[in-house]
PDB file of N, CA and C in Angstrom:
ATOM      1  N   UNK A   1       0.833  -1.180   0.000  1.00  0.00           N
ATOM      2  CA  UNK A   1       0.000   0.000   0.000  1.00  0.00           C
ATOM      3  C   UNK A   1       0.875   1.240   0.000  1.00  0.00           C
ATOM      4  N   UNK A   2       0.437   2.235  -0.716  1.00  0.00           N
ATOM      5  CA  UNK A   2       1.242   3.453  -0.759  1.00  0.00           C
ATOM      6  C   UNK A   2       0.634   4.486   0.173  1.00  0.00           C
ATOM      7  N   UNK A   3       1.471   5.397   0.578  1.00  0.00           N
ATOM      8  CA  UNK A   3       1.011   6.463   1.475  1.00  0.00           C
ATOM      9  C   UNK A   3       0.437   7.657   0.703  1.00  0.00           C
ATOM     10  N   UNK A   4       0.411   7.573  -0.586  1.00  0.00           N
ATOM     11  CA  UNK A   4      -0.064   8.701  -1.400  1.00  0.00           C
ATOM     12  C   UNK A   4      -1.562   8.870  -1.213  1.00  0.00           C
ATOM     13  N   UNK A   5      -1.949  10.077  -1.007  1.00  0.00           N
ATOM     14  CA  UNK A   5      -3.373  10.377  -0.885  1.00  0.00           C
ATOM     15  C   UNK A   5      -3.868  10.883  -2.238  1.00  0.00           C
ATOM     16  N   UNK A   6      -5.078  10.560  -2.580  1.00  0.00           N
ATOM     17  CA  UNK A   6      -5.578  11.048  -3.873  1.00  0.00           C
ATOM     18  C   UNK A   6      -5.642  12.565  -3.873  1.00  0.00           C
ATOM     19  N   UNK A   7      -5.263  13.115  -5.023  1.00  0.00           N
ATOM     20  CA  UNK A   7      -5.267  14.581  -5.142  1.00  0.00           C
ATOM     21  C   UNK A   7      -6.695  15.086  -5.282  1.00  0.00           C
ATOM     22  N   UNK A   8      -6.935  16.211  -4.659  1.00  0.00           N
ATOM     23  CA  UNK A   8      -8.244  16.849  -4.785  1.00  0.00           C
ATOM     24  C   UNK A   8      -8.364  17.402  -6.200  1.00  0.00           C
ATOM     25  N   UNK A   9      -9.525  17.346  -6.770  1.00  0.00           N
ATOM     26  CA  UNK A   9      -9.686  17.897  -8.122  1.00  0.00           C
ATOM     27  C   UNK A   9      -9.305  19.379  -8.137  1.00  0.00           C
ATOM     28  N   UNK A  10      -8.577  19.760  -9.182  1.00  0.00           N
ATOM     29  CA  UNK A  10      -8.152  21.155  -9.333  1.00  0.00           C
ATOM     30  C   UNK A  10      -9.341  22.017  -9.729  1.00  0.00           C
ATOM     31  N   UNK A  11      -9.485  23.118  -9.041  1.00  0.00           N
ATOM     32  CA  UNK A  11     -10.531  24.046  -9.427  1.00  0.00           C
ATOM     33  C   UNK A  11     -10.028  24.857 -10.608  1.00  0.00           C
ATOM     34  N   UNK A  12     -10.842  24.956 -11.611  1.00  0.00           N
ATOM     35  CA  UNK A  12     -10.456  25.733 -12.773  1.00  0.00           C
ATOM     36  C   UNK A  12     -10.881  27.178 -12.579  1.00  0.00           C
ATOM     37  N   UNK A  13     -10.001  28.046 -13.016  1.00  0.00           N
ATOM     38  CA  UNK A  13     -10.316  29.473 -12.939  1.00  0.00           C
ATOM     39  C   UNK A  13     -11.466  29.744 -13.909  1.00  0.00           C
ATOM     40  N   UNK A  14     -12.334  30.626 -13.538  1.00  0.00           N
ATOM     41  CA  UNK A  14     -13.446  30.934 -14.451  1.00  0.00           C
ATOM     42  C   UNK A  14     -12.891  31.498 -15.768  1.00  0.00           C
ATOM     43  N   UNK A  15     -13.485  31.085 -16.854  1.00  0.00           N
ATOM     44  CA  UNK A  15     -13.042  31.569 -18.163  1.00  0.00           C
ATOM     45  C   UNK A  15     -13.319  33.064 -18.249  1.00  0.00           C
ATOM     46  N   UNK A  16     -12.318  33.786 -18.721  1.00  0.00           N
ATOM     47  CA  UNK A  16     -12.481  35.229 -18.864  1.00  0.00           C
ATOM     48  C   UNK A  16     -13.302  35.499 -20.117  1.00  0.00           C
ATOM     49  N   UNK A  17     -14.247  36.366 -19.971  1.00  0.00           N
ATOM     50  CA  UNK A  17     -15.019  36.755 -21.146  1.00  0.00           C
ATOM     51  C   UNK A  17     -14.486  38.104 -21.604  1.00  0.00           C
ATOM     52  N   UNK A  18     -14.266  38.206 -22.885  1.00  0.00           N
ATOM     53  CA  UNK A  18     -13.747  39.451 -23.450  1.00  0.00           C
ATOM     54  C   UNK A  18     -14.846  40.104 -24.266  1.00  0.00           C
ATOM     55  N   UNK A  19     -15.164  41.304 -23.866  1.00  0.00           N
ATOM     56  CA  UNK A  19     -16.136  42.081 -24.613  1.00  0.00           C
ATOM     57  C   UNK A  19     -15.434  42.639 -25.850  1.00  0.00           C
ATOM     58  N   UNK A  20     -16.145  42.723 -26.952  1.00  0.00           N
ATOM     59  CA  UNK A  20     -15.512  43.326 -28.124  1.00  0.00           C
ATOM     60  C   UNK A  20     -15.166  44.779 -27.838  1.00  0.00           C
ATOM     61  N   UNK A  21     -14.047  45.192 -28.373  1.00  0.00           N
ATOM     62  CA  UNK A  21     -13.617  46.576 -28.173  1.00  0.00           C
ATOM     63  C   UNK A  21     -14.572  47.507 -28.910  1.00  0.00           C
ATOM     64  N   UNK A  22     -14.824  48.629 -28.309  1.00  0.00           N
ATOM     65  CA  UNK A  22     -15.681  49.624 -28.948  1.00  0.00           C
ATOM     66  C   UNK A  22     -14.905  50.394 -29.994  1.00  0.00           C
ATOM     67  N   UNK A  23     -15.554  51.329 -30.649  1.00  0.00           N
ATOM     68  CA  UNK A  23     -14.875  52.130 -31.652  1.00  0.00           C
ATOM     69  C   UNK A  23     -13.710  52.884 -31.024  1.00  0.00           C
ATOM     70  N   UNK A  24     -12.612  52.951 -31.744  1.00  0.00           N
ATOM     71  CA  UNK A  24     -11.438  53.668 -31.263  1.00  0.00           C
ATOM     72  C   UNK A  24     -10.833  54.457 -32.417  1.00  0.00           C
ATOM     73  N   UNK A  25     -10.400  55.685 -32.158  1.00  0.00           N
ATOM     74  CA  UNK A  25      -9.798  56.493 -33.216  1.00  0.00           C
ATOM     75  C   UNK A  25      -8.566  55.812 -33.797  1.00  0.00           C
ATOM     76  N   UNK A  26      -8.409  55.933 -35.116  1.00  0.00           N
ATOM     77  CA  UNK A  26      -7.235  55.363 -35.776  1.00  0.00           C
ATOM     78  C   UNK A  26      -6.040  56.304 -35.693  1.00  0.00           C
ATOM     79  N   UNK A  27      -6.304  57.561 -35.408  1.00  0.00           N
ATOM     80  CA  UNK A  27      -5.215  58.520 -35.296  1.00  0.00           C
ATOM     81  C   UNK A  27      -4.683  58.982 -36.648  1.00  0.00           C
ATOM     82  N   UNK A  28      -5.509  58.891 -37.683  1.00  0.00           N
ATOM     83  CA  UNK A  28      -5.093  59.336 -39.007  1.00  0.00           C
ATOM     84  C   UNK A  28      -5.394  60.820 -39.133  1.00  0.00           C
ATOM     85  N   UNK A  29      -4.377  61.602 -39.397  1.00  0.00           N
ATOM     86  CA  UNK A  29      -4.559  63.046 -39.527  1.00  0.00           C
ATOM     87  C   UNK A  29      -5.007  63.387 -40.936  1.00  0.00           C
ATOM     88  N   UNK A  30      -5.989  64.272 -41.031  1.00  0.00           N
ATOM     89  CA  UNK A  30      -6.445  64.755 -42.326  1.00  0.00           C
ATOM     90  C   UNK A  30      -5.792  66.102 -42.585  1.00  0.00           C
ATOM     91  N   UNK A  31      -5.139  66.209 -43.714  1.00  0.00           N
ATOM     92  CA  UNK A  31      -4.501  67.471 -44.063  1.00  0.00           C
ATOM     93  C   UNK A  31      -5.441  68.269 -44.959  1.00  0.00           C
ATOM     94  N   UNK A  32      -5.556  69.565 -44.717  1.00  0.00           N
ATOM     95  CA  UNK A  32      -6.436  70.391 -45.546  1.00  0.00           C
ATOM     96  C   UNK A  32      -5.981  70.378 -47.004  1.00  0.00           C
ATOM     97  N   UNK A  33      -6.958  70.384 -47.909  1.00  0.00           N
ATOM     98  CA  UNK A  33      -6.652  70.375 -49.335  1.00  0.00           C
ATOM     99  C   UNK A  33      -6.566  71.788 -49.893  1.00  0.00           C
ATOM    100  N   UNK A  34      -7.131  72.751 -49.159  1.00  0.00           N
ATOM    101  CA  UNK A  34      -7.190  74.110 -49.667  1.00  0.00           C
ATOM    102  C   UNK A  34      -8.502  74.404 -50.371  1.00  0.00           C
ATOM    103  N   UNK A  35      -9.349  73.409 -50.518  1.00  0.00           N
ATOM    104  CA  UNK A  35     -10.675  73.570 -51.111  1.00  0.00           C
ATOM    105  C   UNK A  35     -11.683  73.358 -49.985  1.00  0.00           C
ATOM    106  N   UNK A  36     -12.310  74.429 -49.498  1.00  0.00           N
ATOM    107  CA  UNK A  36     -13.203  74.315 -48.339  1.00  0.00           C
ATOM    108  C   UNK A  36     -14.296  73.254 -48.486  1.00  0.00           C
ATOM    109  N   UNK A  37     -14.890  73.133 -49.658  1.00  0.00           N
ATOM    110  CA  UNK A  37     -15.964  72.144 -49.832  1.00  0.00           C
ATOM    111  C   UNK A  37     -15.421  70.725 -49.714  1.00  0.00           C
ATOM    112  N   UNK A  38     -14.266  70.481 -50.297  1.00  0.00           N
ATOM    113  CA  UNK A  38     -13.644  69.148 -50.215  1.00  0.00           C
ATOM    114  C   UNK A  38     -13.248  68.860 -48.769  1.00  0.00           C
ATOM    115  N   UNK A  39     -12.660  69.858 -48.117  1.00  0.00           N
ATOM    116  CA  UNK A  39     -12.253  69.669 -46.715  1.00  0.00           C
ATOM    117  C   UNK A  39     -13.446  69.366 -45.818  1.00  0.00           C
ATOM    118  N   UNK A  40     -14.596  69.977 -46.100  1.00  0.00           N
ATOM    119  CA  UNK A  40     -15.794  69.717 -45.299  1.00  0.00           C
ATOM    120  C   UNK A  40     -16.248  68.265 -45.465  1.00  0.00           C
ATOM    121  N   UNK A  41     -16.199  67.754 -46.677  1.00  0.00           N
ATOM    122  CA  UNK A  41     -16.580  66.356 -46.901  1.00  0.00           C
ATOM    123  C   UNK A  41     -15.594  65.416 -46.203  1.00  0.00           C
ATOM    124  N   UNK A  42     -14.317  65.699 -46.331  1.00  0.00           N
ATOM    125  CA  UNK A  42     -13.314  64.834 -45.703  1.00  0.00           C
ATOM    126  C   UNK A  42     -13.403  64.882 -44.177  1.00  0.00           C
ATOM    127  N   UNK A  43     -13.798  66.024 -43.631  1.00  0.00           N
ATOM    128  CA  UNK A  43     -13.925  66.148 -42.173  1.00  0.00           C
ATOM    129  C   UNK A  43     -14.975  65.183 -41.630  1.00  0.00           C
ATOM    130  N   UNK A  44     -15.949  64.830 -42.465  1.00  0.00           N
ATOM    131  CA  UNK A  44     -16.973  63.859 -42.019  1.00  0.00           C
ATOM    132  C   UNK A  44     -16.363  62.513 -41.686  1.00  0.00           C
ATOM    133  N   UNK A  45     -15.208  62.207 -42.268  1.00  0.00           N
ATOM    134  CA  UNK A  45     -14.575  60.917 -41.984  1.00  0.00           C
ATOM    135  C   UNK A  45     -14.185  60.791 -40.511  1.00  0.00           C
ATOM    136  N   UNK A  46     -14.025  61.913 -39.817  1.00  0.00           N
ATOM    137  CA  UNK A  46     -13.698  61.875 -38.388  1.00  0.00           C
ATOM    138  C   UNK A  46     -14.835  61.242 -37.587  1.00  0.00           C
ATOM    139  N   UNK A  47     -16.064  61.268 -38.133  1.00  0.00           N
ATOM    140  CA  UNK A  47     -17.203  60.648 -37.442  1.00  0.00           C
ATOM    141  C   UNK A  47     -16.998  59.146 -37.291  1.00  0.00           C
ATOM    142  N   UNK A  48     -16.210  58.559 -38.188  1.00  0.00           N
ATOM    143  CA  UNK A  48     -16.011  57.112 -38.154  1.00  0.00           C
ATOM    144  C   UNK A  48     -15.345  56.658 -36.859  1.00  0.00           C
ATOM    145  N   UNK A  49     -14.563  57.548 -36.248  1.00  0.00           N
ATOM    146  CA  UNK A  49     -13.882  57.199 -34.997  1.00  0.00           C
ATOM    147  C   UNK A  49     -14.863  56.899 -33.872  1.00  0.00           C
ATOM    148  N   UNK A  50     -16.092  57.354 -34.018  1.00  0.00           N
ATOM    149  CA  UNK A  50     -17.070  57.199 -32.940  1.00  0.00           C
ATOM    150  C   UNK A  50     -18.222  56.269 -33.306  1.00  0.00           C
ATOM    151  N   UNK A  51     -18.111  55.630 -34.459  1.00  0.00           N
ATOM    152  CA  UNK A  51     -19.182  54.744 -34.916  1.00  0.00           C
ATOM    153  C   UNK A  51     -18.716  53.297 -34.944  1.00  0.00           C
ATOM    154  N   UNK A  52     -19.619  52.371 -34.666  1.00  0.00           N
ATOM    155  CA  UNK A  52     -19.267  50.963 -34.873  1.00  0.00           C
ATOM    156  C   UNK A  52     -19.119  50.707 -36.374  1.00  0.00           C
ATOM    157  N   UNK A  53     -18.461  49.642 -36.731  1.00  0.00           N
ATOM    158  CA  UNK A  53     -18.151  49.351 -38.133  1.00  0.00           C
ATOM    159  C   UNK A  53     -19.395  49.314 -39.011  1.00  0.00           C
ATOM    160  N   UNK A  54     -20.520  48.851 -38.475  1.00  0.00           N
ATOM    161  CA  UNK A  54     -21.713  48.770 -39.320  1.00  0.00           C
ATOM    162  C   UNK A  54     -22.294  50.147 -39.645  1.00  0.00           C
ATOM    163  N   UNK A  55     -21.789  51.201 -39.049  1.00  0.00           N
ATOM    164  CA  UNK A  55     -22.227  52.553 -39.372  1.00  0.00           C
ATOM    165  C   UNK A  55     -21.305  53.267 -40.344  1.00  0.00           C
ATOM    166  N   UNK A  56     -20.201  52.636 -40.708  1.00  0.00           N
ATOM    167  CA  UNK A  56     -19.228  53.288 -41.582  1.00  0.00           C
ATOM    168  C   UNK A  56     -19.727  53.465 -43.013  1.00  0.00           C
ATOM    169  N   UNK A  57     -20.431  52.482 -43.528  1.00  0.00           N
ATOM    170  CA  UNK A  57     -20.834  52.512 -44.931  1.00  0.00           C
ATOM    171  C   UNK A  57     -21.621  53.768 -45.275  1.00  0.00           C
ATOM    172  N   UNK A  58     -22.555  54.146 -44.428  1.00  0.00           N
ATOM    173  CA  UNK A  58     -23.370  55.335 -44.700  1.00  0.00           C
ATOM    174  C   UNK A  58     -22.496  56.583 -44.814  1.00  0.00           C
ATOM    175  N   UNK A  59     -21.521  56.723 -43.922  1.00  0.00           N
ATOM    176  CA  UNK A  59     -20.636  57.892 -43.959  1.00  0.00           C
ATOM    177  C   UNK A  59     -19.770  57.852 -45.212  1.00  0.00           C
ATOM    178  N   UNK A  60     -19.177  56.679 -45.514  1.00  0.00           N
ATOM    179  CA  UNK A  60     -18.343  56.565 -46.716  1.00  0.00           C
ATOM    180  C   UNK A  60     -19.129  56.927 -47.972  1.00  0.00           C
ATOM    181  N   UNK A  61     -20.353  56.433 -48.076  1.00  0.00           N
ATOM    182  CA  UNK A  61     -21.162  56.718 -49.260  1.00  0.00           C
ATOM    183  C   UNK A  61     -21.504  58.197 -49.352  1.00  0.00           C
ATOM    184  N   UNK A  62     -21.808  58.824 -48.228  1.00  0.00           N
ATOM    185  CA  UNK A  62     -22.136  60.240 -48.230  1.00  0.00           C
ATOM    186  C   UNK A  62     -20.928  61.080 -48.635  1.00  0.00           C
ATOM    187  N   UNK A  63     -19.768  60.758 -48.082  1.00  0.00           N
ATOM    188  CA  UNK A  63     -18.542  61.491 -48.433  1.00  0.00           C
ATOM    189  C   UNK A  63     -18.227  61.279 -49.917  1.00  0.00           C
ATOM    190  N   UNK A  64     -18.376  60.053 -50.389  1.00  0.00           N
ATOM    191  CA  UNK A  64     -18.110  59.761 -51.793  1.00  0.00           C
ATOM    192  C   UNK A  64     -19.030  60.572 -52.714  1.00  0.00           C
ATOM    193  N   UNK A  65     -20.328  60.619 -52.375  1.00  0.00           N
ATOM    194  CA  UNK A  65     -21.273  61.415 -53.173  1.00  0.00           C
ATOM    195  C   UNK A  65     -20.861  62.889 -53.198  1.00  0.00           C
ATOM    196  N   UNK A  66     -20.492  63.409 -52.037  1.00  0.00           N
ATOM    197  CA  UNK A  66     -20.102  64.818 -51.954  1.00  0.00           C
ATOM    198  C   UNK A  66     -18.855  65.122 -52.765  1.00  0.00           C
ATOM    199  N   UNK A  67     -17.864  64.236 -52.692  1.00  0.00           N
ATOM    200  CA  UNK A  67     -16.634  64.453 -53.452  1.00  0.00           C
ATOM    201  C   UNK A  67     -16.883  64.343 -54.957  1.00  0.00           C
ATOM    202  N   UNK A  68     -17.731  63.394 -55.348  1.00  0.00           N
ATOM    203  CA  UNK A  68     -18.079  63.273 -56.782  1.00  0.00           C
ATOM    204  C   UNK A  68     -18.780  64.537 -57.263  1.00  0.00           C
ATOM    205  N   UNK A  69     -19.662  65.088 -56.444  1.00  0.00           N
ATOM    206  CA  UNK A  69     -20.370  66.312 -56.821  1.00  0.00           C
ATOM    207  C   UNK A  69     -19.377  67.466 -57.003  1.00  0.00           C
ATOM    208  N   UNK A  70     -18.392  67.540 -56.125  1.00  0.00           N
ATOM    209  CA  UNK A  70     -17.372  68.590 -56.254  1.00  0.00           C
ATOM    210  C   UNK A  70     -16.586  68.421 -57.549  1.00  0.00           C
ATOM    211  N   UNK A  71     -16.197  67.199 -57.875  1.00  0.00           N
ATOM    212  CA  UNK A  71     -15.465  66.955 -59.121  1.00  0.00           C
ATOM    213  C   UNK A  71     -16.326  67.275 -60.334  1.00  0.00           C
ATOM    214  N   UNK A  72     -17.589  66.910 -60.275  1.00  0.00           N
ATOM    215  CA  UNK A  72     -18.503  67.197 -61.378  1.00  0.00           C
ATOM    216  C   UNK A  72     -18.635  68.697 -61.586  1.00  0.00           C
ATOM    217  N   UNK A  73     -18.697  69.451 -60.502  1.00  0.00           N
ATOM    218  CA  UNK A  73     -18.825  70.912 -60.630  1.00  0.00           C
ATOM    219  C   UNK A  73     -17.567  71.510 -61.254  1.00  0.00           C
ATOM    220  N   UNK A  74     -16.417  70.919 -61.032  1.00  0.00           N
ATOM    221  CA  UNK A  74     -15.194  71.405 -61.673  1.00  0.00           C
ATOM    222  C   UNK A  74     -15.252  71.203 -63.186  1.00  0.00           C
ATOM    223  N   UNK A  75     -15.824  70.079 -63.606  1.00  0.00           N
ATOM    224  CA  UNK A  75     -15.963  69.822 -65.034  1.00  0.00           C
ATOM    225  C   UNK A  75     -16.936  70.794 -65.677  1.00  0.00           C
ATOM    226  N   UNK A  76     -17.957  71.201 -64.947  1.00  0.00           N
ATOM    227  CA  UNK A  76     -18.971  72.109 -65.481  1.00  0.00           C
ATOM    228  C   UNK A  76     -18.443  73.537 -65.582  1.00  0.00           C
ATOM    229  N   UNK A  77     -17.539  73.901 -64.689  1.00  0.00           N
ATOM    230  CA  UNK A  77     -16.982  75.266 -64.656  1.00  0.00           C
ATOM    231  C   UNK A  77     -15.465  75.176 -64.537  1.00  0.00           C
ATOM    232  N   UNK A  78     -14.790  74.837 -65.639  1.00  0.00           N
ATOM    233  CA  UNK A  78     -13.328  74.701 -65.531  1.00  0.00           C
ATOM    234  C   UNK A  78     -12.664  76.038 -65.203  1.00  0.00           C
ATOM    235  N   UNK A  79     -11.623  75.954 -64.432  1.00  0.00           N
ATOM    236  CA  UNK A  79     -10.874  77.152 -64.062  1.00  0.00           C
ATOM    237  C   UNK A  79     -10.111  77.663 -65.292  1.00  0.00           C
ATOM    238  N   UNK A  80     -10.045  78.978 -65.449  1.00  0.00           N
ATOM    239  CA  UNK A  80      -9.292  79.515 -66.586  1.00  0.00           C
ATOM    240  C   UNK A  80      -7.811  79.167 -66.461  1.00  0.00           C
ATOM    241  N   UNK A  81      -7.212  78.899 -67.581  1.00  0.00           N
ATOM    242  CA  UNK A  81      -5.790  78.564 -67.586  1.00  0.00           C
ATOM    243  C   UNK A  81      -5.007  79.824 -67.924  1.00  0.00           C
ATOM    244  N   UNK A  82      -3.946  80.064 -67.213  1.00  0.00           N
ATOM    245  CA  UNK A  82      -3.183  81.312 -67.423  1.00  0.00           C
ATOM    246  C   UNK A  82      -2.612  81.396 -68.841  1.00  0.00           C
ATOM    247  N   UNK A  83      -2.306  80.305 -69.451  1.00  0.00           N
ATOM    248  CA  UNK A  83      -1.694  80.351 -70.779  1.00  0.00           C
ATOM    249  C   UNK A  83      -2.716  80.494 -71.895  1.00  0.00           C
ATOM    250  N   UNK A  84      -4.012  80.530 -71.591  1.00  0.00           N
ATOM    251  CA  UNK A  84      -5.045  80.737 -72.611  1.00  0.00           C
ATOM    252  C   UNK A  84      -5.193  82.216 -72.988  1.00  0.00           C
ATOM    253  N   UNK A  85      -4.508  83.094 -72.293  1.00  0.00           N
ATOM    254  CA  UNK A  85      -4.638  84.527 -72.530  1.00  0.00           C
ATOM    255  C   UNK A  85      -3.513  85.051 -73.437  1.00  0.00           C
ATOM    256  N   UNK A  86      -3.150  84.293 -74.428  1.00  0.00           N
ATOM    257  CA  UNK A  86      -2.080  84.753 -75.331  1.00  0.00           C
ATOM    258  C   UNK A  86      -2.637  85.787 -76.300  1.00  0.00           C
ATOM    259  N   UNK A  87      -1.786  86.715 -76.678  1.00  0.00           N
ATOM    260  CA  UNK A  87      -2.231  87.704 -77.657  1.00  0.00           C
ATOM    261  C   UNK A  87      -1.617  87.457 -79.000  1.00  0.00           C
TER     262      UNK A  87
END
């Protein structure tokens, strides 16, 4: 006979539950373009830092529409070119 006593069952530590991380800023700096309308559309991208991922699409689509509208307006009213004023 051995003197060994049976070991008591080991208590397992409770499994840690990890909550998904909430929205966090990416820290991407937006540099001004010099075009106020374009800068206003790009500034909307800062809203993404405070939205869950499923809210990003609406903002991206809105910014995309706004930027396309700005580009379209440039095509409709092209800026005069300095070299077109030759005599």
